[in-house]
Amino acid sequence: MSDTHITRPLFDQIMVPNYAPLDMIPVRGEGSRVWDQEDNEYIDLTGGIAVNALGHAHPELITVLTEQAQKLWHVSNIYTNEPALKLAKKLVDNTFAEKVFFANSGAEANEAALKLARRVAFDKFGIEKTEIIAFYQGFHGRTFFTVTAGGQSTYSDGFGPKPADITHLEYNDLSELEKVISDKTCAVILEPLQGEGGVLPITSEFAQGVRALCDKHNALMIFDEVQTGMGRTGELFAYMGLNVIPDVVTSAKALGAGFPIAAMLTKTCFAEHLKVGTHGTTFGGNPLACAVAGKAFDLINTKDMMSGVKHKEQLIRQHLEAINDEFSVFKEIRGAGLLLGAVLNEQYKDQAKIFFLESAQQGLLILVAGANVLRFAPALNISDDLIEQAMLKLKQAVRNIVHKDT
């Protein structure tokens, strides 16, 4: 089949219909710009949904990937490999963690974290300690275990009996958690900023309260940092800005800056419960992925990059507030670092997709988080100039929608 036949209608013919992609097909990218099949240019504020932390086709990542591709692609976990050990050492040296488990996706990292929590509880306290507490509007992946832990039942309904002993509570409601958590709870899993659930940040009081309650009831505190990790909030990991240390942190998305990889980070006293044979993965720790992630880690984990994220956050916030001053479409701007959400007001309730589509018409790629929130997760190294251009395009999209309504 020639490339001339690779068009958007082909998706509907041959792909499982669980996605509804835009009409345009991106074919190449550079930094925070992408081009489609017709060579139309777009500014990318999606970052592949918080994945492309260093933009598209970063030259240093291309170099390290090419070099590793000429050496070793895959060996399985019958052996270890140098890129995996180098990356694990960087993660241990720069976080609370003492042990690392590599996987391929955020869902797999969270699956490993939840299994670890259950195994630790089983080994230390017996068969009754199985409850996992999670939160409404949370998102932890699409395996049946992780999607059930996620607090959006529409994603988990209709697939038969769900994994048991998972309790959902209101996010940021410490008093409710205090009433429910018990010595039968083995873990509390939460995002420090709910990404898919509406770009809702955790309160410092709630984070510290969860830590104290987990300590009291011998439950693992699991921070799902799949979307917030690797500099997204202006800290290497978001927990670092909350004055808490979790027992487990999961990372993926930006960890490989576009190459699929994930990691579960934890302490030795918990990791020792995953003995040989208790958990595994075919591709986790793949040399190609770990080589790219190792270079991405070096590029992201700098003071200049982290301060740049916080500066760019303020720049985007200022532009969003200026747009709102003129057009009155947002109820709130929230989030942290370069994971920001613009919450639509009552007049534009449930119309996030309209803003998403109109932005694309203006040559701007953005995200939504539910029906009411526009989400922005650009590359951490996006230039100020490109942010300015992007916000002009967003302003035009908002103007078109507002004027269409008048």
Protein backbone atom coordinates (compact mmCIF):
# COMPACT_ATOMS: atom_id res chain seq x y z
CA MET A 1 0.00 0.00 0.00
CA SER A 2 1.49 3.34 -1.01
CA ASP A 3 1.58 6.32 1.35
CA THR A 4 -0.91 8.14 -0.90
CA HIS A 5 -3.59 5.79 0.50
CA ILE A 6 -2.72 6.46 4.13
CA THR A 7 -5.50 8.89 5.00
CA ARG A 8 -7.75 9.49 7.98
CA PRO A 9 -10.69 7.43 6.56
CA LEU A 10 -8.41 4.38 6.60
CA PHE A 11 -8.46 4.56 10.40
CA ASP A 12 -12.21 3.97 10.42
CA GLN A 13 -11.81 1.01 8.09
CA ILE A 14 -9.07 -0.94 9.85
CA MET A 15 -8.62 0.29 13.44
CA VAL A 16 -10.59 -0.69 16.53
CA PRO A 17 -12.92 2.30 17.09
CA ASN A 18 -11.97 3.11 20.69
CA TYR A 19 -10.32 6.37 19.57
CA ALA A 20 -11.66 9.30 17.59
CA PRO A 21 -8.55 11.04 16.22
CA LEU A 22 -8.58 14.41 14.50
CA ASP A 23 -8.95 14.52 10.73
CA MET A 24 -5.36 15.63 10.26
CA ILE A 25 -2.46 13.14 10.52
CA PRO A 26 0.82 14.47 11.95
CA VAL A 27 3.82 13.21 9.97
CA ARG A 28 6.79 15.05 11.44
CA GLY A 29 7.71 17.23 14.38
CA GLU A 30 10.49 19.48 15.55
CA GLY A 31 10.56 20.90 19.04
CA SER A 32 7.04 22.11 19.84
CA ARG A 33 5.89 22.25 16.22
CA VAL A 34 4.33 19.51 14.11
CA TRP A 35 3.31 19.26 10.47
CA ASP A 36 0.52 17.19 8.92
CA GLN A 37 0.28 15.37 5.59
CA GLU A 38 -0.61 18.61 3.79
CA ASP A 39 2.37 20.35 5.43
CA ASN A 40 0.12 22.51 7.61
CA GLU A 41 2.01 23.66 10.70
CA TYR A 42 0.71 23.41 14.27
CA ILE A 43 2.03 24.55 17.63
CA ASP A 44 1.89 21.59 20.01
CA LEU A 45 0.74 22.31 23.57
CA THR A 46 -0.16 18.65 24.18
CA GLY A 47 3.31 17.17 24.47
CA GLY A 48 1.84 13.82 23.45
CA ILE A 49 -0.29 14.13 26.63
CA ALA A 50 2.62 15.15 28.88
CA VAL A 51 5.00 12.66 27.23
CA ASN A 52 7.22 14.65 24.86
CA ALA A 53 8.91 16.58 27.64
CA LEU A 54 11.69 17.75 25.34
CA GLY A 55 9.55 18.20 22.24
CA HIS A 56 9.70 16.26 19.00
CA ALA A 57 12.89 14.85 17.47
CA HIS A 58 15.26 16.22 20.09
CA PRO A 59 18.73 15.89 18.51
CA GLU A 60 20.46 14.53 21.63
CA LEU A 61 17.78 11.87 22.08
CA ILE A 62 18.06 10.91 18.42
CA THR A 63 21.82 10.51 18.86
CA VAL A 64 21.60 8.29 21.93
CA LEU A 65 18.81 6.18 20.41
CA THR A 66 20.80 5.69 17.20
CA GLU A 67 23.94 4.76 19.12
CA GLN A 68 22.08 2.23 21.28
CA ALA A 69 20.27 0.80 18.24
CA GLN A 70 23.65 -0.16 16.85
CA LYS A 71 24.58 -2.03 20.03
CA LEU A 72 21.73 -3.89 21.76
CA TRP A 73 17.97 -3.75 21.31
CA HIS A 74 16.51 -6.36 23.62
CA VAL A 75 17.84 -9.05 25.94
CA SER A 76 14.92 -9.81 28.32
CA ASN A 77 15.24 -9.93 32.08
CA ILE A 78 17.22 -13.15 32.01
CA TYR A 79 20.04 -10.60 31.98
CA THR A 80 20.39 -7.04 33.16
CA ASN A 81 21.85 -4.37 30.88
CA GLU A 82 23.97 -1.26 31.22
CA PRO A 83 21.42 1.39 30.13
CA ALA A 84 18.87 0.03 32.64
CA LEU A 85 21.36 0.08 35.51
CA LYS A 86 22.55 3.59 34.62
CA LEU A 87 18.98 4.90 34.55
CA ALA A 88 18.02 3.14 37.78
CA LYS A 89 21.07 4.64 39.50
CA LYS A 90 20.03 8.13 38.41
CA LEU A 91 16.50 7.60 39.74
CA VAL A 92 17.75 6.26 43.08
CA ASP A 93 20.37 9.00 43.48
CA ASN A 94 17.84 11.79 42.86
CA THR A 95 14.75 10.57 44.75
CA PHE A 96 13.71 8.94 48.02
CA ALA A 97 13.83 5.55 46.33
CA GLU A 98 16.26 2.70 46.95
CA LYS A 99 14.89 0.24 44.40
CA VAL A 100 13.50 0.51 40.84
CA PHE A 101 11.28 -1.73 38.73
CA PHE A 102 11.03 -0.92 35.01
CA ALA A 103 7.94 -1.47 32.88
CA ASN A 104 6.54 -0.08 29.61
CA SER A 105 3.63 2.16 30.57
CA GLY A 106 2.08 4.03 33.46
CA ALA A 107 -0.61 1.39 33.80
CA GLU A 108 2.02 -1.30 34.23
CA ALA A 109 3.95 0.74 36.79
CA ASN A 110 0.74 1.27 38.76
CA GLU A 111 -0.16 -2.40 38.41
CA ALA A 112 3.21 -3.24 39.93
CA ALA A 113 2.68 -0.73 42.74
CA LEU A 114 -0.74 -2.13 43.64
CA LYS A 115 0.52 -5.70 43.53
CA LEU A 116 3.46 -4.69 45.70
CA ALA A 117 1.11 -3.15 48.28
CA ARG A 118 -1.03 -6.28 48.40
CA ARG A 119 2.04 -8.53 48.69
CA VAL A 120 3.63 -6.47 51.47
CA ALA A 121 0.36 -6.55 53.42
CA PHE A 122 -0.07 -10.30 52.84
CA ASP A 123 3.45 -11.10 53.96
CA LYS A 124 3.48 -8.86 57.03
CA PHE A 125 -0.12 -8.76 58.23
CA GLY A 126 -2.05 -11.64 56.68
CA ILE A 127 -4.93 -12.21 54.29
CA GLU A 128 -7.38 -9.63 55.67
CA LYS A 129 -5.35 -6.51 54.83
CA THR A 130 -6.37 -6.00 51.19
CA GLU A 131 -8.27 -2.71 50.90
CA ILE A 132 -6.96 -0.15 48.43
CA ILE A 133 -8.26 3.40 48.80
CA ALA A 134 -8.34 5.54 45.66
CA PHE A 135 -10.16 8.72 44.67
CA TYR A 136 -12.99 9.77 42.38
CA GLN A 137 -11.85 11.26 39.08
CA GLY A 138 -8.45 9.64 39.52
CA PHE A 139 -6.81 7.87 36.61
CA HIS A 140 -4.21 5.12 36.99
CA GLY A 141 -4.23 3.25 33.66
CA ARG A 142 -6.28 0.85 31.57
CA THR A 143 -5.43 -2.59 32.89
CA PHE A 144 -8.46 -3.98 34.69
CA PHE A 145 -6.82 -3.55 38.10
CA THR A 146 -5.64 0.01 37.48
CA VAL A 147 -8.77 1.18 35.68
CA THR A 148 -10.84 -0.09 38.60
CA ALA A 149 -8.60 1.80 41.00
CA GLY A 150 -9.18 4.87 38.84
CA GLY A 151 -12.18 6.79 40.05
CA GLN A 152 -14.12 7.02 36.77
CA SER A 153 -16.51 4.10 36.55
CA THR A 154 -17.37 4.77 32.90
CA TYR A 155 -13.89 3.46 32.06
CA SER A 156 -14.29 0.24 34.07
CA ASP A 157 -17.99 -0.63 33.70
CA GLY A 158 -19.09 -3.31 31.26
CA PHE A 159 -16.14 -5.68 31.54
CA GLY A 160 -17.50 -8.09 34.11
CA PRO A 161 -16.68 -8.47 37.80
CA LYS A 162 -14.16 -5.89 38.97
CA PRO A 163 -11.16 -6.49 41.22
CA ALA A 164 -12.42 -6.35 44.80
CA ASP A 165 -11.58 -4.30 47.89
CA ILE A 166 -11.09 -0.96 46.14
CA THR A 167 -12.76 1.98 47.88
CA HIS A 168 -13.22 5.38 46.26
CA LEU A 169 -13.38 8.64 48.20
CA GLU A 170 -13.49 12.35 47.42
CA TYR A 171 -10.12 13.82 46.51
CA ASN A 172 -8.73 16.39 48.98
CA ASP A 173 -11.32 15.41 51.65
CA LEU A 174 -9.17 14.44 54.63
CA SER A 175 -12.06 13.99 57.08
CA GLU A 176 -13.68 11.39 54.82
CA LEU A 177 -10.41 9.49 54.53
CA GLU A 178 -10.00 9.55 58.31
CA LYS A 179 -13.41 7.89 58.70
CA VAL A 180 -12.78 5.13 56.14
CA ILE A 181 -9.12 4.11 56.39
CA SER A 182 -8.45 1.21 58.75
CA ASP A 183 -5.96 -1.51 59.58
CA LYS A 184 -7.44 -3.49 56.68
CA THR A 185 -6.20 -0.83 54.25
CA CYS A 186 -3.01 -1.89 52.46
CA ALA A 187 -2.53 1.19 50.27
CA VAL A 188 -3.76 4.64 49.37
CA ILE A 189 -3.10 5.51 45.72
CA LEU A 190 -3.46 9.06 44.48
CA GLU A 191 -2.15 11.57 41.98
CA PRO A 192 -0.52 14.74 43.34
CA LEU A 193 -2.43 16.49 40.56
CA GLN A 194 -5.37 14.76 38.94
CA GLY A 195 -4.62 15.10 35.23
CA GLU A 196 -7.36 13.24 33.40
CA GLY A 197 -9.80 14.11 36.18
CA GLY A 198 -9.71 17.85 35.47
CA VAL A 199 -6.20 19.13 36.32
CA LEU A 200 -7.02 19.30 40.01
CA PRO A 201 -4.05 19.83 42.35
CA ILE A 202 -3.69 18.23 45.76
CA THR A 203 -3.71 20.44 48.84
CA SER A 204 -0.64 20.34 51.05
CA GLU A 205 -2.87 19.52 54.04
CA PHE A 206 -4.36 16.53 52.26
CA ALA A 207 -0.99 15.18 51.11
CA GLN A 208 0.45 15.38 54.59
CA GLY A 209 -2.74 13.98 56.12
CA VAL A 210 -2.65 10.96 53.81
CA ARG A 211 0.98 10.36 54.80
CA ALA A 212 0.12 10.42 58.52
CA LEU A 213 -2.89 8.12 58.13
CA CYS A 214 -0.90 5.63 56.03
CA ASP A 215 1.74 5.54 58.76
CA LYS A 216 -0.91 5.02 61.43
CA HIS A 217 -2.54 2.09 59.62
CA ASN A 218 0.57 0.49 58.04
CA ALA A 219 -0.65 1.24 54.53
CA LEU A 220 1.58 2.16 51.58
CA MET A 221 1.23 5.68 50.22
CA ILE A 222 1.44 5.36 46.43
CA PHE A 223 1.95 8.52 44.40
CA ASP A 224 0.97 8.09 40.76
CA GLU A 225 3.34 10.55 39.11
CA VAL A 226 2.88 9.20 35.61
CA GLN A 227 1.69 12.62 34.42
CA THR A 228 3.33 14.89 37.02
CA GLY A 229 6.77 13.31 37.19
CA MET A 230 9.97 14.26 35.38
CA GLY A 231 9.75 18.00 35.82
CA ARG A 232 6.17 18.59 34.78
CA THR A 233 5.30 20.64 37.89
CA GLY A 234 8.64 22.40 38.19
CA GLU A 235 10.03 19.75 40.54
CA LEU A 236 11.68 16.54 39.37
CA PHE A 237 8.73 14.78 41.02
CA ALA A 238 5.72 16.60 42.44
CA TYR A 239 6.07 15.01 45.88
CA MET A 240 9.23 17.07 46.33
CA GLY A 241 7.17 20.25 46.55
CA LEU A 242 4.62 18.86 49.01
CA ASN A 243 6.82 18.11 52.02
CA VAL A 244 5.86 14.42 51.97
CA ILE A 245 7.74 11.27 51.03
CA PRO A 246 5.57 8.50 49.57
CA ASP A 247 6.38 4.81 49.90
CA VAL A 248 5.98 4.22 46.17
CA VAL A 249 6.16 6.58 43.19
CA THR A 250 5.22 5.54 39.67
CA SER A 251 6.61 7.28 36.60
CA ALA A 252 6.11 6.93 32.85
CA LYS A 253 5.11 9.36 30.08
CA ALA A 254 7.90 11.98 30.22
CA LEU A 255 10.38 9.47 31.66
CA GLY A 256 11.28 8.40 28.13
CA ALA A 257 10.44 11.77 26.55
CA GLY A 258 8.45 9.94 23.87
CA PHE A 259 9.98 6.46 24.01
CA PRO A 260 7.76 4.00 25.95
CA ILE A 261 9.12 3.29 29.43
CA ALA A 262 7.83 3.33 32.99
CA ALA A 263 9.23 2.85 36.45
CA MET A 264 8.04 2.00 39.94
CA LEU A 265 10.23 3.54 42.63
CA THR A 266 10.18 2.30 46.22
CA LYS A 267 12.24 1.50 49.31
CA THR A 268 14.20 -1.68 49.99
CA CYS A 269 11.96 -2.72 52.89
CA PHE A 270 8.99 -2.91 50.51
CA ALA A 271 10.80 -4.06 47.37
CA GLU A 272 12.12 -7.17 49.13
CA HIS A 273 8.60 -8.60 49.09
CA LEU A 274 8.72 -8.96 45.29
CA LYS A 275 10.98 -11.97 45.28
CA VAL A 276 12.11 -13.78 42.14
CA GLY A 277 9.08 -14.89 40.14
CA THR A 278 6.45 -12.76 41.93
CA HIS A 279 6.24 -10.14 39.19
CA GLY A 280 7.78 -9.54 35.78
CA THR A 281 7.72 -8.04 32.32
CA THR A 282 9.11 -8.94 28.92
CA PHE A 283 10.12 -5.49 27.71
CA GLY A 284 10.63 -3.61 30.98
CA GLY A 285 14.18 -2.30 31.23
CA ASN A 286 14.65 -2.51 27.46
CA PRO A 287 18.08 -1.09 26.51
CA LEU A 288 16.71 1.23 23.83
CA ALA A 289 14.14 2.75 26.17
CA CYS A 290 16.55 3.05 29.08
CA ALA A 291 19.25 4.67 26.95
CA VAL A 292 16.83 7.35 25.73
CA ALA A 293 15.36 7.85 29.21
CA GLY A 294 18.81 8.20 30.71
CA LYS A 295 19.67 11.06 28.37
CA ALA A 296 16.23 12.64 28.87
CA PHE A 297 16.77 12.47 32.63
CA ASP A 298 20.05 14.37 32.33
CA LEU A 299 18.45 17.06 30.18
CA ILE A 300 15.39 17.50 32.40
CA ASN A 301 16.95 17.27 35.85
CA THR A 302 18.62 20.68 35.90
CA LYS A 303 17.93 23.85 37.88
CA ASP A 304 17.54 25.84 34.67
CA MET A 305 14.90 23.44 33.31
CA MET A 306 12.92 23.43 36.57
CA SER A 307 12.99 27.21 36.96
CA GLY A 308 12.07 27.51 33.29
CA VAL A 309 8.97 25.37 33.85
CA LYS A 310 7.80 27.68 36.64
CA HIS A 311 8.48 30.76 34.53
CA LYS A 312 6.56 29.34 31.56
CA GLU A 313 3.67 28.41 33.85
CA GLN A 314 3.29 32.06 34.85
CA LEU A 315 3.51 33.16 31.23
CA ILE A 316 0.72 30.81 30.14
CA ARG A 317 -1.40 31.76 33.16
CA GLN A 318 -1.05 35.45 32.32
CA HIS A 319 -2.18 34.86 28.75
CA LEU A 320 -5.12 32.68 29.80
CA GLU A 321 -6.23 35.32 32.29
CA ALA A 322 -5.95 38.03 29.64
CA ILE A 323 -8.05 35.95 27.24
CA ASN A 324 -10.59 35.47 29.98
CA ASP A 325 -10.65 39.18 30.82
CA GLU A 326 -11.68 39.84 27.23
CA PHE A 327 -14.04 36.94 26.55
CA SER A 328 -15.23 35.60 29.96
CA VAL A 329 -15.10 31.88 29.16
CA PHE A 330 -13.10 30.43 32.07
CA LYS A 331 -14.20 29.91 35.65
CA GLU A 332 -10.73 29.05 36.94
CA ILE A 333 -7.15 28.46 35.82
CA ARG A 334 -5.56 25.67 37.86
CA GLY A 335 -2.74 23.17 37.88
CA ALA A 336 0.99 23.37 38.44
CA GLY A 337 4.01 23.92 36.25
CA LEU A 338 3.30 22.95 32.66
CA LEU A 339 0.22 20.91 33.47
CA LEU A 340 -2.49 23.55 33.47
CA GLY A 341 -6.25 23.49 33.13
CA ALA A 342 -8.67 26.21 32.09
CA VAL A 343 -12.08 25.36 33.54
CA LEU A 344 -14.97 26.55 31.39
CA ASN A 345 -17.68 28.61 33.07
CA GLU A 346 -21.39 27.79 33.13
CA GLN A 347 -22.08 29.52 29.82
CA TYR A 348 -19.72 27.11 28.05
CA LYS A 349 -20.31 24.04 30.19
CA ASP A 350 -19.51 20.70 28.50
CA GLN A 351 -18.05 22.46 25.45
CA ALA A 352 -14.36 21.71 25.92
CA LYS A 353 -14.27 19.65 22.73
CA ILE A 354 -15.52 22.62 20.71
CA PHE A 355 -12.58 24.71 21.95
CA PHE A 356 -10.25 21.77 21.24
CA LEU A 357 -11.47 21.46 17.64
CA GLU A 358 -11.49 25.19 16.93
CA SER A 359 -7.95 25.49 18.29
CA ALA A 360 -6.82 22.83 15.83
CA GLN A 361 -8.41 24.86 13.04
CA GLN A 362 -6.19 27.76 14.13
CA GLY A 363 -3.07 25.59 14.04
CA LEU A 364 -2.91 24.92 17.78
CA LEU A 365 -2.97 21.51 19.43
CA ILE A 366 -4.37 21.42 22.97
CA LEU A 367 -5.99 18.80 25.21
CA VAL A 368 -9.16 18.41 27.20
CA ALA A 369 -9.63 16.88 30.65
CA GLY A 370 -13.25 15.88 30.66
CA ALA A 371 -16.00 17.95 29.11
CA ASN A 372 -15.27 21.18 30.99
CA VAL A 373 -11.52 21.66 31.12
CA LEU A 374 -8.98 22.69 28.48
CA ARG A 375 -5.65 21.10 29.33
CA PHE A 376 -2.18 22.30 28.40
CA ALA A 377 0.89 20.05 28.75
CA PRO A 378 3.55 21.39 26.39
CA ALA A 379 7.19 20.38 26.19
CA LEU A 380 9.14 21.63 29.19
CA ASN A 381 11.59 23.38 26.87
CA ILE A 382 9.03 25.22 24.74
CA SER A 383 10.23 28.74 23.99
CA ASP A 384 8.55 31.86 25.38
CA ASP A 385 8.10 33.06 21.81
CA LEU A 386 6.21 29.93 20.83
CA ILE A 387 4.00 30.26 23.91
CA GLU A 388 3.15 33.80 22.78
CA GLN A 389 2.25 32.54 19.31
CA ALA A 390 0.20 29.69 20.74
CA MET A 391 -1.79 31.99 22.97
CA LEU A 392 -2.60 34.24 20.00
CA LYS A 393 -4.00 31.20 18.22
CA LEU A 394 -6.00 30.22 21.30
CA LYS A 395 -7.32 33.75 21.58
CA GLN A 396 -8.53 33.58 17.97
CA ALA A 397 -10.20 30.24 18.61
CA VAL A 398 -11.97 31.61 21.68
CA ARG A 399 -13.00 34.73 19.75
CA ASN A 400 -14.53 32.61 16.98
CA ILE A 401 -16.52 30.51 19.44
CA VAL A 402 -17.74 33.50 21.47
CA HIS A 403 -18.76 35.47 18.39
CA LYS A 404 -20.52 32.44 16.96
CA ASP A 405 -22.68 32.46 20.08
CA THR A 406 -23.57 36.16 19.84
